[in-house]
Amino acid sequence: MKNHSQRIKQKTIKQKQILNRLWKYRKERGLTQRDVAYILGTKNSSQISHWERGDKIPGTRNILKLSALYQRLSNDLLWGFYEKLREEVIARKKKLKNLKIRHAQTQRS
């Protein structure tokens, strides 16, 4: 049984990882990490492993290649990251709207 500090540490580690569906789609296609690395033209399969574990995010070229390989949109492949960015955009959009309202109010005064 894990003690409290071990659970907190494990939770913190999981929160830092980028949620994605790369492993799921690779398995659905019956491919190994080595297969994917070869198809994408990456140096080795460790890069694929980092992406699947959520330790790193694929660059633009590789996410587009993965999208083509798995026949999925990039926001579906990296859904956790996409949702995080989407929330950030919505929050900033609301903030901008409020700033514009305040600016308009000060202009009227």
PDB file of N, CA and C in Angstrom:
ATOM      1  N   MET A   1       0.841  -1.187   0.000  1.00  0.00           N
ATOM      2  CA  MET A   1       0.000   0.000   0.000  1.00  0.00           C
ATOM      3  C   MET A   1       0.882   1.244   0.000  1.00  0.00           C
ATOM      4  N   LYS A   2       0.541   2.206  -0.813  1.00  0.00           N
ATOM      5  CA  LYS A   2       1.337   3.420  -0.935  1.00  0.00           C
ATOM      6  C   LYS A   2       0.990   4.391   0.180  1.00  0.00           C
ATOM      7  N   ASN A   3       2.025   5.067   0.674  1.00  0.00           N
ATOM      8  CA  ASN A   3       1.750   6.094   1.675  1.00  0.00           C
ATOM      9  C   ASN A   3       1.329   7.387   0.986  1.00  0.00           C
ATOM     10  N   HIS A   4       0.921   8.359   1.798  1.00  0.00           N
ATOM     11  CA  HIS A   4       0.377   9.614   1.274  1.00  0.00           C
ATOM     12  C   HIS A   4       1.362  10.350   0.362  1.00  0.00           C
ATOM     13  N   SER A   5       2.622  10.461   0.767  1.00  0.00           N
ATOM     14  CA  SER A   5       3.603  11.198  -0.043  1.00  0.00           C
ATOM     15  C   SER A   5       3.872  10.508  -1.375  1.00  0.00           C
ATOM     16  N   GLN A   6       3.833   9.180  -1.414  1.00  0.00           N
ATOM     17  CA  GLN A   6       4.027   8.463  -2.670  1.00  0.00           C
ATOM     18  C   GLN A   6       2.863   8.719  -3.625  1.00  0.00           C
ATOM     19  N   ARG A   7       1.620   8.760  -3.083  1.00  0.00           N
ATOM     20  CA  ARG A   7       0.447   9.027  -3.917  1.00  0.00           C
ATOM     21  C   ARG A   7       0.508  10.436  -4.485  1.00  0.00           C
ATOM     22  N   ILE A   8       0.928  11.413  -3.669  1.00  0.00           N
ATOM     23  CA  ILE A   8       1.026  12.796  -4.133  1.00  0.00           C
ATOM     24  C   ILE A   8       2.077  12.905  -5.224  1.00  0.00           C
ATOM     25  N   LYS A   9       3.240  12.258  -5.010  1.00  0.00           N
ATOM     26  CA  LYS A   9       4.309  12.305  -6.009  1.00  0.00           C
ATOM     27  C   LYS A   9       3.842  11.675  -7.317  1.00  0.00           C
ATOM     28  N   GLN A  10       3.169  10.536  -7.226  1.00  0.00           N
ATOM     29  CA  GLN A  10       2.684   9.866  -8.431  1.00  0.00           C
ATOM     30  C   GLN A  10       1.647  10.727  -9.142  1.00  0.00           C
ATOM     31  N   LYS A  11       0.745  11.360  -8.399  1.00  0.00           N
ATOM     32  CA  LYS A  11      -0.264  12.231  -8.995  1.00  0.00           C
ATOM     33  C   LYS A  11       0.386  13.407  -9.701  1.00  0.00           C
ATOM     34  N   THR A  12       1.411  13.999  -9.088  1.00  0.00           N
ATOM     35  CA  THR A  12       2.125  15.122  -9.683  1.00  0.00           C
ATOM     36  C   THR A  12       2.781  14.706 -10.992  1.00  0.00           C
ATOM     37  N   ILE A  13       3.395  13.540 -11.006  1.00  0.00           N
ATOM     38  CA  ILE A  13       4.035  13.043 -12.228  1.00  0.00           C
ATOM     39  C   ILE A  13       2.992  12.869 -13.324  1.00  0.00           C
ATOM     40  N   LYS A  14       1.845  12.277 -13.002  1.00  0.00           N
ATOM     41  CA  LYS A  14       0.807  12.062 -13.999  1.00  0.00           C
ATOM     42  C   LYS A  14       0.283  13.381 -14.553  1.00  0.00           C
ATOM     43  N   GLN A  15       0.180  14.397 -13.715  1.00  0.00           N
ATOM     44  CA  GLN A  15      -0.322  15.679 -14.177  1.00  0.00           C
ATOM     45  C   GLN A  15       0.631  16.333 -15.163  1.00  0.00           C
ATOM     46  N   LYS A  16       1.907  16.054 -15.067  1.00  0.00           N
ATOM     47  CA  LYS A  16       2.890  16.643 -15.977  1.00  0.00           C
ATOM     48  C   LYS A  16       2.877  15.956 -17.330  1.00  0.00           C
ATOM     49  N   GLN A  17       2.356  14.733 -17.389  1.00  0.00           N
ATOM     50  CA  GLN A  17       2.329  14.012 -18.644  1.00  0.00           C
ATOM     51  C   GLN A  17       1.209  14.540 -19.530  1.00  0.00           C
ATOM     52  N   ILE A  18       1.425  14.463 -20.814  1.00  0.00           N
ATOM     53  CA  ILE A  18       0.473  14.952 -21.801  1.00  0.00           C
ATOM     54  C   ILE A  18      -0.424  13.790 -22.211  1.00  0.00           C
ATOM     55  N   LEU A  19      -1.702  13.927 -21.943  1.00  0.00           N
ATOM     56  CA  LEU A  19      -2.625  12.857 -22.283  1.00  0.00           C
ATOM     57  C   LEU A  19      -2.795  12.792 -23.792  1.00  0.00           C
ATOM     58  N   ASN A  20      -2.686  11.570 -24.313  1.00  0.00           N
ATOM     59  CA  ASN A  20      -2.815  11.390 -25.758  1.00  0.00           C
ATOM     60  C   ASN A  20      -3.343   9.994 -26.059  1.00  0.00           C
ATOM     61  N   ARG A  21      -3.616   9.765 -27.325  1.00  0.00           N
ATOM     62  CA  ARG A  21      -4.132   8.469 -27.779  1.00  0.00           C
ATOM     63  C   ARG A  21      -3.171   7.796 -28.759  1.00  0.00           C
ATOM     64  N   LEU A  22      -1.932   8.176 -28.731  1.00  0.00           N
ATOM     65  CA  LEU A  22      -0.961   7.652 -29.698  1.00  0.00           C
ATOM     66  C   LEU A  22      -0.782   6.144 -29.554  1.00  0.00           C
ATOM     67  N   TRP A  23      -0.653   5.669 -28.321  1.00  0.00           N
ATOM     68  CA  TRP A  23      -0.466   4.236 -28.091  1.00  0.00           C
ATOM     69  C   TRP A  23      -1.678   3.466 -28.611  1.00  0.00           C
ATOM     70  N   LYS A  24      -2.868   3.956 -28.293  1.00  0.00           N
ATOM     71  CA  LYS A  24      -4.116   3.299 -28.693  1.00  0.00           C
ATOM     72  C   LYS A  24      -4.188   3.138 -30.211  1.00  0.00           C
ATOM     73  N   TYR A  25      -3.915   4.219 -30.933  1.00  0.00           N
ATOM     74  CA  TYR A  25      -4.029   4.161 -32.392  1.00  0.00           C
ATOM     75  C   TYR A  25      -2.921   3.322 -33.027  1.00  0.00           C
ATOM     76  N   ARG A  26      -1.752   3.329 -32.413  1.00  0.00           N
ATOM     77  CA  ARG A  26      -0.665   2.473 -32.934  1.00  0.00           C
ATOM     78  C   ARG A  26      -1.050   1.009 -32.794  1.00  0.00           C
ATOM     79  N   LYS A  27      -1.588   0.658 -31.622  1.00  0.00           N
ATOM     80  CA  LYS A  27      -1.995  -0.731 -31.373  1.00  0.00           C
ATOM     81  C   LYS A  27      -3.136  -1.150 -32.309  1.00  0.00           C
ATOM     82  N   GLU A  28      -4.074  -0.234 -32.540  1.00  0.00           N
ATOM     83  CA  GLU A  28      -5.189  -0.531 -33.459  1.00  0.00           C
ATOM     84  C   GLU A  28      -4.688  -0.854 -34.862  1.00  0.00           C
ATOM     85  N   ARG A  29      -3.577  -0.227 -35.263  1.00  0.00           N
ATOM     86  CA  ARG A  29      -3.013  -0.458 -36.599  1.00  0.00           C
ATOM     87  C   ARG A  29      -2.070  -1.673 -36.632  1.00  0.00           C
ATOM     88  N   GLY A  30      -1.815  -2.252 -35.461  1.00  0.00           N
ATOM     89  CA  GLY A  30      -0.938  -3.416 -35.402  1.00  0.00           C
ATOM     90  C   GLY A  30       0.523  -3.077 -35.649  1.00  0.00           C
ATOM     91  N   LEU A  31       0.931  -1.862 -35.280  1.00  0.00           N
ATOM     92  CA  LEU A  31       2.301  -1.406 -35.511  1.00  0.00           C
ATOM     93  C   LEU A  31       3.112  -1.430 -34.214  1.00  0.00           C
ATOM     94  N   THR A  32       4.410  -1.630 -34.360  1.00  0.00           N
ATOM     95  CA  THR A  32       5.317  -1.502 -33.227  1.00  0.00           C
ATOM     96  C   THR A  32       5.849  -0.067 -33.195  1.00  0.00           C
ATOM     97  N   GLN A  33       6.464   0.294 -32.089  1.00  0.00           N
ATOM     98  CA  GLN A  33       7.090   1.615 -32.021  1.00  0.00           C
ATOM     99  C   GLN A  33       8.189   1.729 -33.068  1.00  0.00           C
ATOM    100  N   ARG A  34       8.898   0.655 -33.308  1.00  0.00           N
ATOM    101  CA  ARG A  34       9.950   0.651 -34.328  1.00  0.00           C
ATOM    102  C   ARG A  34       9.357   0.886 -35.716  1.00  0.00           C
ATOM    103  N   ASP A  35       8.201   0.269 -35.991  1.00  0.00           N
ATOM    104  CA  ASP A  35       7.511   0.481 -37.269  1.00  0.00           C
ATOM    105  C   ASP A  35       7.172   1.956 -37.456  1.00  0.00           C
ATOM    106  N   VAL A  36       6.582   2.561 -36.421  1.00  0.00           N
ATOM    107  CA  VAL A  36       6.178   3.963 -36.489  1.00  0.00           C
ATOM    108  C   VAL A  36       7.398   4.857 -36.686  1.00  0.00           C
ATOM    109  N   ALA A  37       8.469   4.562 -35.951  1.00  0.00           N
ATOM    110  CA  ALA A  37       9.697   5.354 -36.088  1.00  0.00           C
ATOM    111  C   ALA A  37      10.201   5.295 -37.532  1.00  0.00           C
ATOM    112  N   TYR A  38      10.192   4.109 -38.127  1.00  0.00           N
ATOM    113  CA  TYR A  38      10.647   3.964 -39.506  1.00  0.00           C
ATOM    114  C   TYR A  38       9.745   4.757 -40.464  1.00  0.00           C
ATOM    115  N   ILE A  39       8.434   4.613 -40.310  1.00  0.00           N
ATOM    116  CA  ILE A  39       7.488   5.292 -41.204  1.00  0.00           C
ATOM    117  C   ILE A  39       7.638   6.811 -41.102  1.00  0.00           C
ATOM    118  N   LEU A  40       7.838   7.312 -39.884  1.00  0.00           N
ATOM    119  CA  LEU A  40       7.974   8.755 -39.676  1.00  0.00           C
ATOM    120  C   LEU A  40       9.366   9.266 -40.035  1.00  0.00           C
ATOM    121  N   GLY A  41      10.330   8.349 -40.124  1.00  0.00           N
ATOM    122  CA  GLY A  41      11.698   8.748 -40.436  1.00  0.00           C
ATOM    123  C   GLY A  41      12.445   9.288 -39.221  1.00  0.00           C
ATOM    124  N   THR A  42      12.036   8.883 -38.018  1.00  0.00           N
ATOM    125  CA  THR A  42      12.751   9.316 -36.814  1.00  0.00           C
ATOM    126  C   THR A  42      13.942   8.407 -36.578  1.00  0.00           C
ATOM    127  N   LYS A  43      14.874   8.881 -35.752  1.00  0.00           N
ATOM    128  CA  LYS A  43      16.125   8.154 -35.546  1.00  0.00           C
ATOM    129  C   LYS A  43      15.928   6.804 -34.871  1.00  0.00           C
ATOM    130  N   ASN A  44      15.047   6.753 -33.862  1.00  0.00           N
ATOM    131  CA  ASN A  44      14.809   5.481 -33.175  1.00  0.00           C
ATOM    132  C   ASN A  44      13.439   5.480 -32.513  1.00  0.00           C
ATOM    133  N   SER A  45      13.065   4.333 -31.988  1.00  0.00           N
ATOM    134  CA  SER A  45      11.731   4.177 -31.411  1.00  0.00           C
ATOM    135  C   SER A  45      11.591   4.807 -30.031  1.00  0.00           C
ATOM    136  N   SER A  46      12.682   5.223 -29.395  1.00  0.00           N
ATOM    137  CA  SER A  46      12.568   5.840 -28.067  1.00  0.00           C
ATOM    138  C   SER A  46      11.781   7.146 -28.145  1.00  0.00           C
ATOM    139  N   GLN A  47      11.883   7.844 -29.258  1.00  0.00           N
ATOM    140  CA  GLN A  47      11.124   9.072 -29.453  1.00  0.00           C
ATOM    141  C   GLN A  47       9.622   8.778 -29.427  1.00  0.00           C
ATOM    142  N   ILE A  48       9.230   7.697 -30.082  1.00  0.00           N
ATOM    143  CA  ILE A  48       7.822   7.289 -30.118  1.00  0.00           C
ATOM    144  C   ILE A  48       7.356   6.953 -28.702  1.00  0.00           C
ATOM    145  N   SER A  49       8.194   6.288 -27.963  1.00  0.00           N
ATOM    146  CA  SER A  49       7.878   5.935 -26.579  1.00  0.00           C
ATOM    147  C   SER A  49       7.648   7.176 -25.720  1.00  0.00           C
ATOM    148  N   HIS A  50       8.509   8.175 -25.877  1.00  0.00           N
ATOM    149  CA  HIS A  50       8.352   9.437 -25.124  1.00  0.00           C
ATOM    150  C   HIS A  50       7.018  10.099 -25.453  1.00  0.00           C
ATOM    151  N   TRP A  51       6.655  10.090 -26.718  1.00  0.00           N
ATOM    152  CA  TRP A  51       5.388  10.706 -27.127  1.00  0.00           C
ATOM    153  C   TRP A  51       4.207   9.949 -26.544  1.00  0.00           C
ATOM    154  N   GLU A  52       4.256   8.608 -26.643  1.00  0.00           N
ATOM    155  CA  GLU A  52       3.145   7.789 -26.162  1.00  0.00           C
ATOM    156  C   GLU A  52       2.973   7.894 -24.648  1.00  0.00           C
ATOM    157  N   ARG A  53       4.062   8.001 -23.929  1.00  0.00           N
ATOM    158  CA  ARG A  53       3.981   8.151 -22.462  1.00  0.00           C
ATOM    159  C   ARG A  53       3.552   9.551 -22.058  1.00  0.00           C
ATOM    160  N   GLY A  54       3.611  10.482 -22.989  1.00  0.00           N
ATOM    161  CA  GLY A  54       3.237  11.852 -22.688  1.00  0.00           C
ATOM    162  C   GLY A  54       4.356  12.662 -22.084  1.00  0.00           C
ATOM    163  N   ASP A  55       5.587  12.168 -22.212  1.00  0.00           N
ATOM    164  CA  ASP A  55       6.749  12.895 -21.690  1.00  0.00           C
ATOM    165  C   ASP A  55       7.114  14.068 -22.587  1.00  0.00           C
ATOM    166  N   LYS A  56       6.858  13.912 -23.887  1.00  0.00           N
ATOM    167  CA  LYS A  56       7.191  14.944 -24.870  1.00  0.00           C
ATOM    168  C   LYS A  56       6.049  15.061 -25.872  1.00  0.00           C
ATOM    169  N   ILE A  57       6.019  16.186 -26.566  1.00  0.00           N
ATOM    170  CA  ILE A  57       5.014  16.409 -27.605  1.00  0.00           C
ATOM    171  C   ILE A  57       5.711  16.330 -28.964  1.00  0.00           C
ATOM    172  N   PRO A  58       5.133  15.591 -29.901  1.00  0.00           N
ATOM    173  CA  PRO A  58       5.731  15.555 -31.247  1.00  0.00           C
ATOM    174  C   PRO A  58       5.713  16.952 -31.872  1.00  0.00           C
ATOM    175  N   GLY A  59       6.731  17.253 -32.672  1.00  0.00           N
ATOM    176  CA  GLY A  59       6.770  18.513 -33.399  1.00  0.00           C
ATOM    177  C   GLY A  59       5.687  18.546 -34.474  1.00  0.00           C
ATOM    178  N   THR A  60       5.542  19.681 -35.092  1.00  0.00           N
ATOM    179  CA  THR A  60       4.488  19.879 -36.091  1.00  0.00           C
ATOM    180  C   THR A  60       4.554  18.844 -37.210  1.00  0.00           C
ATOM    181  N   ARG A  61       5.732  18.657 -37.783  1.00  0.00           N
ATOM    182  CA  ARG A  61       5.865  17.688 -38.890  1.00  0.00           C
ATOM    183  C   ARG A  61       5.465  16.289 -38.456  1.00  0.00           C
ATOM    184  N   ASN A  62       5.935  15.886 -37.258  1.00  0.00           N
ATOM    185  CA  ASN A  62       5.638  14.527 -36.801  1.00  0.00           C
ATOM    186  C   ASN A  62       4.183  14.344 -36.390  1.00  0.00           C
ATOM    187  N   ILE A  63       3.563  15.369 -35.828  1.00  0.00           N
ATOM    188  CA  ILE A  63       2.145  15.219 -35.482  1.00  0.00           C
ATOM    189  C   ILE A  63       1.310  15.108 -36.756  1.00  0.00           C
ATOM    190  N   LEU A  64       1.705  15.837 -37.797  1.00  0.00           N
ATOM    191  CA  LEU A  64       0.994  15.719 -39.071  1.00  0.00           C
ATOM    192  C   LEU A  64       1.226  14.347 -39.712  1.00  0.00           C
ATOM    193  N   LYS A  65       2.434  13.826 -39.595  1.00  0.00           N
ATOM    194  CA  LYS A  65       2.717  12.480 -40.109  1.00  0.00           C
ATOM    195  C   LYS A  65       1.914  11.432 -39.346  1.00  0.00           C
ATOM    196  N   LEU A  66       1.864  11.593 -38.008  1.00  0.00           N
ATOM    197  CA  LEU A  66       1.080  10.662 -37.187  1.00  0.00           C
ATOM    198  C   LEU A  66      -0.398  10.740 -37.544  1.00  0.00           C
ATOM    199  N   SER A  67      -0.867  11.940 -37.800  1.00  0.00           N
ATOM    200  CA  SER A  67      -2.253  12.146 -38.201  1.00  0.00           C
ATOM    201  C   SER A  67      -2.546  11.405 -39.509  1.00  0.00           C
ATOM    202  N   ALA A  68      -1.636  11.495 -40.454  1.00  0.00           N
ATOM    203  CA  ALA A  68      -1.791  10.787 -41.728  1.00  0.00           C
ATOM    204  C   ALA A  68      -1.715   9.270 -41.531  1.00  0.00           C
ATOM    205  N   LEU A  69      -0.772   8.830 -40.715  1.00  0.00           N
ATOM    206  CA  LEU A  69      -0.582   7.397 -40.475  1.00  0.00           C
ATOM    207  C   LEU A  69      -1.803   6.772 -39.807  1.00  0.00           C
ATOM    208  N   TYR A  70      -2.292   7.417 -38.758  1.00  0.00           N
ATOM    209  CA  TYR A  70      -3.418   6.867 -37.995  1.00  0.00           C
ATOM    210  C   TYR A  70      -4.779   7.319 -38.524  1.00  0.00           C
ATOM    211  N   GLN A  71      -4.758   8.208 -39.510  1.00  0.00           N
ATOM    212  CA  GLN A  71      -5.983   8.742 -40.113  1.00  0.00           C
ATOM    213  C   GLN A  71      -6.890   9.364 -39.050  1.00  0.00           C
ATOM    214  N   ARG A  72      -6.272  10.205 -38.230  1.00  0.00           N
ATOM    215  CA  ARG A  72      -6.960  10.925 -37.152  1.00  0.00           C
ATOM    216  C   ARG A  72      -6.509  12.373 -37.160  1.00  0.00           C
ATOM    217  N   LEU A  73      -7.379  13.273 -36.702  1.00  0.00           N
ATOM    218  CA  LEU A  73      -6.998  14.677 -36.575  1.00  0.00           C
ATOM    219  C   LEU A  73      -6.017  14.838 -35.417  1.00  0.00           C
ATOM    220  N   SER A  74      -5.172  15.851 -35.514  1.00  0.00           N
ATOM    221  CA  SER A  74      -4.157  16.061 -34.475  1.00  0.00           C
ATOM    222  C   SER A  74      -4.775  16.318 -33.111  1.00  0.00           C
ATOM    223  N   ASN A  75      -5.904  17.021 -33.050  1.00  0.00           N
ATOM    224  CA  ASN A  75      -6.517  17.263 -31.743  1.00  0.00           C
ATOM    225  C   ASN A  75      -7.069  15.973 -31.141  1.00  0.00           C
ATOM    226  N   ASP A  76      -7.350  14.970 -31.957  1.00  0.00           N
ATOM    227  CA  ASP A  76      -7.768  13.666 -31.451  1.00  0.00           C
ATOM    228  C   ASP A  76      -6.561  12.889 -30.919  1.00  0.00           C
ATOM    229  N   LEU A  77      -5.436  12.996 -31.610  1.00  0.00           N
ATOM    230  CA  LEU A  77      -4.228  12.299 -31.173  1.00  0.00           C
ATOM    231  C   LEU A  77      -3.731  12.832 -29.832  1.00  0.00           C
ATOM    232  N   LEU A  78      -3.725  14.144 -29.691  1.00  0.00           N
ATOM    233  CA  LEU A  78      -3.210  14.795 -28.474  1.00  0.00           C
ATOM    234  C   LEU A  78      -4.357  15.445 -27.697  1.00  0.00           C
ATOM    235  N   TRP A  79      -5.414  14.707 -27.468  1.00  0.00           N
ATOM    236  CA  TRP A  79      -6.634  15.278 -26.897  1.00  0.00           C
ATOM    237  C   TRP A  79      -6.424  15.976 -25.565  1.00  0.00           C
ATOM    238  N   GLY A  80      -5.598  15.452 -24.682  1.00  0.00           N
ATOM    239  CA  GLY A  80      -5.360  16.097 -23.387  1.00  0.00           C
ATOM    240  C   GLY A  80      -4.692  17.449 -23.541  1.00  0.00           C
ATOM    241  N   PHE A  81      -3.708  17.496 -24.401  1.00  0.00           N
ATOM    242  CA  PHE A  81      -2.991  18.745 -24.676  1.00  0.00           C
ATOM    243  C   PHE A  81      -3.916  19.734 -25.369  1.00  0.00           C
ATOM    244  N   TYR A  82      -4.699  19.224 -26.318  1.00  0.00           N
ATOM    245  CA  TYR A  82      -5.644  20.069 -27.037  1.00  0.00           C
ATOM    246  C   TYR A  82      -6.650  20.691 -26.068  1.00  0.00           C
ATOM    247  N   GLU A  83      -7.195  19.899 -25.164  1.00  0.00           N
ATOM    248  CA  GLU A  83      -8.179  20.414 -24.209  1.00  0.00           C
ATOM    249  C   GLU A  83      -7.571  21.485 -23.315  1.00  0.00           C
ATOM    250  N   LYS A  84      -6.345  21.270 -22.888  1.00  0.00           N
ATOM    251  CA  LYS A  84      -5.653  22.263 -22.055  1.00  0.00           C
ATOM    252  C   LYS A  84      -5.495  23.579 -22.824  1.00  0.00           C
ATOM    253  N   LEU A  85      -5.039  23.499 -24.059  1.00  0.00           N
ATOM    254  CA  LEU A  85      -4.863  24.699 -24.879  1.00  0.00           C
ATOM    255  C   LEU A  85      -6.197  25.371 -25.187  1.00  0.00           C
ATOM    256  N   ARG A  86      -7.216  24.570 -25.436  1.00  0.00           N
ATOM    257  CA  ARG A  86      -8.543  25.103 -25.717  1.00  0.00           C
ATOM    258  C   ARG A  86      -9.064  25.906 -24.526  1.00  0.00           C
ATOM    259  N   GLU A  87      -8.881  25.375 -23.325  1.00  0.00           N
ATOM    260  CA  GLU A  87      -9.302  26.085 -22.114  1.00  0.00           C
ATOM    261  C   GLU A  87      -8.544  27.398 -21.956  1.00  0.00           C
ATOM    262  N   GLU A  88      -7.255  27.381 -22.255  1.00  0.00           N
ATOM    263  CA  GLU A  88      -6.449  28.606 -22.186  1.00  0.00           C
ATOM    264  C   GLU A  88      -6.969  29.661 -23.170  1.00  0.00           C
ATOM    265  N   VAL A  89      -7.289  29.226 -24.378  1.00  0.00           N
ATOM    266  CA  VAL A  89      -7.785  30.148 -25.400  1.00  0.00           C
ATOM    267  C   VAL A  89      -9.124  30.744 -24.964  1.00  0.00           C
ATOM    268  N   ILE A  90     -10.004  29.923 -24.448  1.00  0.00           N
ATOM    269  CA  ILE A  90     -11.311  30.413 -23.993  1.00  0.00           C
ATOM    270  C   ILE A  90     -11.141  31.424 -22.865  1.00  0.00           C
ATOM    271  N   ALA A  91     -10.265  31.136 -21.921  1.00  0.00           N
ATOM    272  CA  ALA A  91     -10.024  32.054 -20.799  1.00  0.00           C
ATOM    273  C   ALA A  91      -9.463  33.385 -21.294  1.00  0.00           C
ATOM    274  N   ARG A  92      -8.514  33.334 -22.220  1.00  0.00           N
ATOM    275  CA  ARG A  92      -7.917  34.572 -22.746  1.00  0.00           C
ATOM    276  C   ARG A  92      -8.938  35.359 -23.576  1.00  0.00           C
ATOM    277  N   LYS A  93      -9.793  34.657 -24.287  1.00  0.00           N
ATOM    278  CA  LYS A  93     -10.834  35.309 -25.075  1.00  0.00           C
ATOM    279  C   LYS A  93     -11.794  36.076 -24.156  1.00  0.00           C
ATOM    280  N   LYS A  94     -12.165  35.445 -23.035  1.00  0.00           N
ATOM    281  CA  LYS A  94     -13.032  36.111 -22.061  1.00  0.00           C
ATOM    282  C   LYS A  94     -12.338  37.328 -21.458  1.00  0.00           C
ATOM    283  N   LYS A  95     -11.060  37.171 -21.154  1.00  0.00           N
ATOM    284  CA  LYS A  95     -10.292  38.277 -20.577  1.00  0.00           C
ATOM    285  C   LYS A  95     -10.229  39.449 -21.556  1.00  0.00           C
ATOM    286  N   LEU A  96      -9.986  39.147 -22.827  1.00  0.00           N
ATOM    287  CA  LEU A  96      -9.940  40.191 -23.853  1.00  0.00           C
ATOM    288  C   LEU A  96     -11.285  40.913 -23.962  1.00  0.00           C
ATOM    289  N   LYS A  97     -12.355  40.167 -23.928  1.00  0.00           N
ATOM    290  CA  LYS A  97     -13.687  40.765 -24.004  1.00  0.00           C
ATOM    291  C   LYS A  97     -13.902  41.733 -22.837  1.00  0.00           C
ATOM    292  N   ASN A  98     -13.513  41.304 -21.631  1.00  0.00           N
ATOM    293  CA  ASN A  98     -13.651  42.166 -20.454  1.00  0.00           C
ATOM    294  C   ASN A  98     -12.781  43.418 -20.563  1.00  0.00           C
ATOM    295  N   LEU A  99     -11.583  43.262 -21.096  1.00  0.00           N
ATOM    296  CA  LEU A  99     -10.701  44.413 -21.281  1.00  0.00           C
ATOM    297  C   LEU A  99     -11.301  45.408 -22.264  1.00  0.00           C
ATOM    298  N   LYS A 100     -11.887  44.904 -23.332  1.00  0.00           N
ATOM    299  CA  LYS A 100     -12.516  45.783 -24.327  1.00  0.00           C
ATOM    300  C   LYS A 100     -13.712  46.519 -23.728  1.00  0.00           C
ATOM    301  N   ILE A 101     -14.476  45.824 -22.901  1.00  0.00           N
ATOM    302  CA  ILE A 101     -15.627  46.462 -22.241  1.00  0.00           C
ATOM    303  C   ILE A 101     -15.145  47.587 -21.327  1.00  0.00           C
ATOM    304  N   ARG A 102     -14.127  47.304 -20.522  1.00  0.00           N
ATOM    305  CA  ARG A 102     -13.581  48.325 -19.621  1.00  0.00           C
ATOM    306  C   ARG A 102     -13.021  49.512 -20.395  1.00  0.00           C
ATOM    307  N   HIS A 103     -12.334  49.206 -21.493  1.00  0.00           N
ATOM    308  CA  HIS A 103     -11.757  50.277 -22.316  1.00  0.00           C
ATOM    309  C   HIS A 103     -12.865  51.156 -22.907  1.00  0.00           C
ATOM    310  N   ALA A 104     -13.922  50.511 -23.370  1.00  0.00           N
ATOM    311  CA  ALA A 104     -15.045  51.256 -23.946  1.00  0.00           C
ATOM    312  C   ALA A 104     -15.721  52.122 -22.885  1.00  0.00           C
ATOM    313  N   GLN A 105     -15.813  51.615 -21.676  1.00  0.00           N
ATOM    314  CA  GLN A 105     -16.430  52.367 -20.589  1.00  0.00           C
ATOM    315  C   GLN A 105     -15.586  53.593 -20.219  1.00  0.00           C
ATOM    316  N   THR A 106     -14.260  53.442 -20.221  1.00  0.00           N
ATOM    317  CA  THR A 106     -13.385  54.574 -19.885  1.00  0.00           C
ATOM    318  C   THR A 106     -13.394  55.606 -21.006  1.00  0.00           C
ATOM    319  N   GLN A 107     -13.597  55.175 -22.244  1.00  0.00           N
ATOM    320  CA  GLN A 107     -13.666  56.098 -23.375  1.00  0.00           C
ATOM    321  C   GLN A 107     -14.916  56.978 -23.313  1.00  0.00           C
ATOM    322  N   ARG A 108     -15.992  56.425 -22.771  1.00  0.00           N
ATOM    323  CA  ARG A 108     -17.261  57.146 -22.650  1.00  0.00           C
ATOM    324  C   ARG A 108     -17.212  58.188 -21.529  1.00  0.00           C
ATOM    325  N   SER A 109     -16.379  57.915 -20.540  1.00  0.00           N
ATOM    326  CA  SER A 109     -16.332  58.809 -19.362  1.00  0.00           C
ATOM    327  C   SER A 109     -15.626  60.115 -19.622  1.00  0.00           C
TER     328      SER A 109
END
